[in-house]
Amino acid sequence: RSRPPPPPSPRSREEEIPELEIDVDELLDMESDDARAARVKELLVDCYKPTEAFISGLLDKIRGMQKLSTPQKR
């Protein structure tokens, strides 16, 4: 009996990682978290890793930035 060939070894993707810039000001100007999430998903469309946790963490940080940048009413 012949053995099946071994699975291909995962090659290093280090050199393949493209740089990605996310314009936080653009996201801050958007109306809703849904619009922000959709925009970030567009930017990450080529990402081969799961992006949900990254996107939700980013949206949390943006919400925090909005609170800081909005003048507090007394």
N, C-alpha and C. Protein backbone atom coordinates (compact mmCIF):
# COMPACT_ATOMS: atom_id res chain seq x y z
N ARG A 1 0.83 -1.19 0.00
CA ARG A 1 0.00 0.00 0.00
C ARG A 1 0.87 1.24 0.00
N SER A 2 0.48 2.19 -0.80
CA SER A 2 1.23 3.44 -0.79
C SER A 2 0.57 4.42 0.18
N ARG A 3 1.41 5.20 0.83
CA ARG A 3 0.89 6.18 1.79
C ARG A 3 0.49 7.45 1.05
N PRO A 4 -0.51 8.14 1.58
CA PRO A 4 -0.85 9.43 0.96
C PRO A 4 0.26 10.44 1.23
N PRO A 5 0.46 11.37 0.35
CA PRO A 5 1.52 12.35 0.58
C PRO A 5 1.21 13.18 1.83
N PRO A 6 2.25 13.62 2.53
CA PRO A 6 2.01 14.44 3.71
C PRO A 6 1.38 15.77 3.31
N PRO A 7 0.60 16.35 4.21
CA PRO A 7 0.00 17.64 3.86
C PRO A 7 1.10 18.68 3.66
N PRO A 8 0.86 19.65 2.80
CA PRO A 8 1.91 20.65 2.57
C PRO A 8 2.18 21.42 3.86
N SER A 9 3.43 21.68 4.13
CA SER A 9 3.74 22.40 5.36
C SER A 9 3.38 23.86 5.17
N PRO A 10 2.84 24.47 6.22
CA PRO A 10 2.47 25.88 6.07
C PRO A 10 3.71 26.72 5.87
N ARG A 11 3.76 27.44 4.78
CA ARG A 11 4.97 28.22 4.57
C ARG A 11 4.85 29.54 5.29
N SER A 12 5.96 30.10 5.58
CA SER A 12 5.98 31.35 6.32
C SER A 12 5.26 32.44 5.54
N ARG A 13 4.31 33.08 6.20
CA ARG A 13 3.58 34.15 5.53
C ARG A 13 4.12 35.50 5.98
N GLU A 14 5.18 35.50 6.78
CA GLU A 14 5.72 36.75 7.31
C GLU A 14 5.96 37.79 6.21
N GLU A 15 6.61 37.37 5.13
CA GLU A 15 6.93 38.35 4.11
C GLU A 15 5.71 38.77 3.31
N GLU A 16 4.62 37.99 3.43
CA GLU A 16 3.44 38.28 2.62
C GLU A 16 2.48 39.25 3.29
N ILE A 17 2.74 39.63 4.53
CA ILE A 17 1.78 40.47 5.24
C ILE A 17 1.80 41.88 4.68
N PRO A 18 0.68 42.30 4.06
CA PRO A 18 0.65 43.65 3.52
C PRO A 18 0.42 44.66 4.64
N GLU A 19 0.90 45.87 4.43
CA GLU A 19 0.61 46.90 5.41
C GLU A 19 -0.80 47.40 5.17
N LEU A 20 -1.48 47.73 6.24
CA LEU A 20 -2.85 48.20 6.13
C LEU A 20 -3.01 49.42 7.01
N GLU A 21 -3.54 50.48 6.44
CA GLU A 21 -3.81 51.67 7.23
C GLU A 21 -5.32 51.81 7.38
N ILE A 22 -5.74 52.01 8.61
CA ILE A 22 -7.16 52.26 8.88
C ILE A 22 -7.26 53.70 9.34
N ASP A 23 -8.04 54.50 8.64
CA ASP A 23 -8.20 55.92 8.95
C ASP A 23 -9.23 56.05 10.07
N VAL A 24 -8.73 56.24 11.29
CA VAL A 24 -9.61 56.31 12.46
C VAL A 24 -10.52 57.53 12.38
N ASP A 25 -9.99 58.65 11.85
CA ASP A 25 -10.83 59.84 11.71
C ASP A 25 -12.03 59.57 10.80
N GLU A 26 -11.79 58.82 9.74
CA GLU A 26 -12.88 58.44 8.83
C GLU A 26 -13.94 57.65 9.60
N LEU A 27 -13.47 56.70 10.42
CA LEU A 27 -14.41 55.88 11.19
C LEU A 27 -15.16 56.72 12.22
N LEU A 28 -14.46 57.66 12.86
CA LEU A 28 -15.11 58.52 13.86
C LEU A 28 -16.22 59.37 13.23
N ASP A 29 -16.05 59.73 11.97
CA ASP A 29 -17.04 60.57 11.29
C ASP A 29 -18.28 59.79 10.85
N MET A 30 -18.22 58.48 10.89
CA MET A 30 -19.36 57.68 10.44
C MET A 30 -20.47 57.70 11.48
N GLU A 31 -21.70 57.47 10.99
CA GLU A 31 -22.89 57.59 11.83
C GLU A 31 -23.05 56.46 12.85
N SER A 32 -22.72 55.24 12.45
CA SER A 32 -23.06 54.10 13.31
C SER A 32 -21.93 53.07 13.37
N ASP A 33 -22.01 52.23 14.39
CA ASP A 33 -21.06 51.12 14.50
C ASP A 33 -21.20 50.16 13.32
N ASP A 34 -22.43 50.01 12.82
CA ASP A 34 -22.63 49.12 11.67
C ASP A 34 -21.87 49.62 10.45
N ALA A 35 -21.92 50.94 10.23
CA ALA A 35 -21.19 51.52 9.09
C ALA A 35 -19.69 51.35 9.30
N ARG A 36 -19.24 51.57 10.53
CA ARG A 36 -17.80 51.41 10.83
C ARG A 36 -17.37 49.97 10.60
N ALA A 37 -18.15 49.02 11.12
CA ALA A 37 -17.80 47.60 10.99
C ALA A 37 -17.75 47.21 9.51
N ALA A 38 -18.70 47.70 8.72
CA ALA A 38 -18.72 47.38 7.29
C ALA A 38 -17.47 47.92 6.61
N ARG A 39 -17.07 49.15 6.97
CA ARG A 39 -15.88 49.76 6.36
C ARG A 39 -14.62 48.98 6.73
N VAL A 40 -14.49 48.60 8.00
CA VAL A 40 -13.30 47.86 8.42
C VAL A 40 -13.28 46.49 7.75
N LYS A 41 -14.45 45.85 7.60
CA LYS A 41 -14.50 44.55 6.91
C LYS A 41 -14.03 44.70 5.47
N GLU A 42 -14.41 45.81 4.81
CA GLU A 42 -13.93 46.05 3.44
C GLU A 42 -12.40 46.12 3.42
N LEU A 43 -11.85 46.83 4.40
CA LEU A 43 -10.39 47.00 4.43
C LEU A 43 -9.69 45.67 4.70
N LEU A 44 -10.33 44.81 5.47
CA LEU A 44 -9.71 43.53 5.85
C LEU A 44 -10.12 42.38 4.94
N VAL A 45 -10.70 42.68 3.79
CA VAL A 45 -11.24 41.63 2.93
C VAL A 45 -10.17 40.61 2.53
N ASP A 46 -8.92 41.03 2.42
CA ASP A 46 -7.85 40.10 2.03
C ASP A 46 -7.21 39.39 3.22
N CYS A 47 -7.67 39.71 4.42
CA CYS A 47 -7.06 39.11 5.61
C CYS A 47 -7.49 37.65 5.73
N TYR A 48 -6.53 36.77 5.93
CA TYR A 48 -6.84 35.34 5.98
C TYR A 48 -7.11 34.87 7.41
N LYS A 49 -6.97 35.75 8.39
CA LYS A 49 -7.26 35.36 9.78
C LYS A 49 -8.64 35.87 10.16
N PRO A 50 -9.23 35.29 11.21
CA PRO A 50 -10.54 35.79 11.65
C PRO A 50 -10.44 37.26 12.07
N THR A 51 -11.42 38.06 11.67
CA THR A 51 -11.35 39.50 11.92
C THR A 51 -12.39 39.99 12.92
N GLU A 52 -13.35 39.15 13.30
CA GLU A 52 -14.45 39.61 14.16
C GLU A 52 -13.96 40.21 15.47
N ALA A 53 -13.05 39.53 16.16
CA ALA A 53 -12.56 40.03 17.45
C ALA A 53 -11.81 41.35 17.27
N PHE A 54 -11.02 41.44 16.21
CA PHE A 54 -10.29 42.68 15.94
C PHE A 54 -11.26 43.83 15.71
N ILE A 55 -12.28 43.58 14.89
CA ILE A 55 -13.24 44.65 14.56
C ILE A 55 -14.00 45.08 15.81
N SER A 56 -14.47 44.14 16.63
CA SER A 56 -15.22 44.55 17.81
C SER A 56 -14.33 45.31 18.79
N GLY A 57 -13.07 44.91 18.92
CA GLY A 57 -12.14 45.63 19.78
C GLY A 57 -11.88 47.04 19.27
N LEU A 58 -11.73 47.16 17.95
CA LEU A 58 -11.50 48.47 17.34
C LEU A 58 -12.71 49.38 17.56
N LEU A 59 -13.91 48.84 17.38
CA LEU A 59 -15.12 49.65 17.58
C LEU A 59 -15.24 50.09 19.03
N ASP A 60 -14.85 49.23 19.98
CA ASP A 60 -14.86 49.62 21.40
C ASP A 60 -13.93 50.81 21.63
N LYS A 61 -12.75 50.75 21.05
CA LYS A 61 -11.78 51.84 21.21
C LYS A 61 -12.31 53.13 20.59
N ILE A 62 -12.96 53.01 19.42
CA ILE A 62 -13.51 54.20 18.76
C ILE A 62 -14.63 54.81 19.60
N ARG A 63 -15.46 53.97 20.20
CA ARG A 63 -16.51 54.50 21.09
C ARG A 63 -15.88 55.27 22.24
N GLY A 64 -14.79 54.74 22.78
CA GLY A 64 -14.08 55.43 23.86
C GLY A 64 -13.51 56.77 23.39
N MET A 65 -13.00 56.80 22.15
CA MET A 65 -12.45 58.04 21.61
C MET A 65 -13.55 59.07 21.40
N GLN A 66 -14.73 58.61 21.00
CA GLN A 66 -15.85 59.54 20.79
C GLN A 66 -16.23 60.20 22.11
N LYS A 67 -16.24 59.42 23.19
CA LYS A 67 -16.58 59.97 24.50
C LYS A 67 -15.56 61.02 24.90
N LEU A 68 -14.28 60.77 24.59
CA LEU A 68 -13.24 61.73 24.95
C LEU A 68 -13.35 63.02 24.12
N SER A 69 -13.71 62.88 22.85
CA SER A 69 -13.71 64.04 21.97
C SER A 69 -15.01 64.85 22.04
N THR A 70 -16.08 64.26 22.60
CA THR A 70 -17.34 64.99 22.72
C THR A 70 -17.30 65.82 23.99
N PRO A 71 -17.50 67.14 23.87
CA PRO A 71 -17.48 67.95 25.10
C PRO A 71 -18.63 67.52 26.03
N GLN A 72 -18.30 67.39 27.30
CA GLN A 72 -19.30 66.94 28.27
C GLN A 72 -20.24 68.08 28.61
N LYS A 73 -21.55 67.81 28.56
CA LYS A 73 -22.53 68.82 28.96
C LYS A 73 -22.71 68.73 30.46
N ARG A 74 -22.85 69.89 31.11
CA ARG A 74 -23.05 69.89 32.57
C ARG A 74 -24.48 70.22 32.91
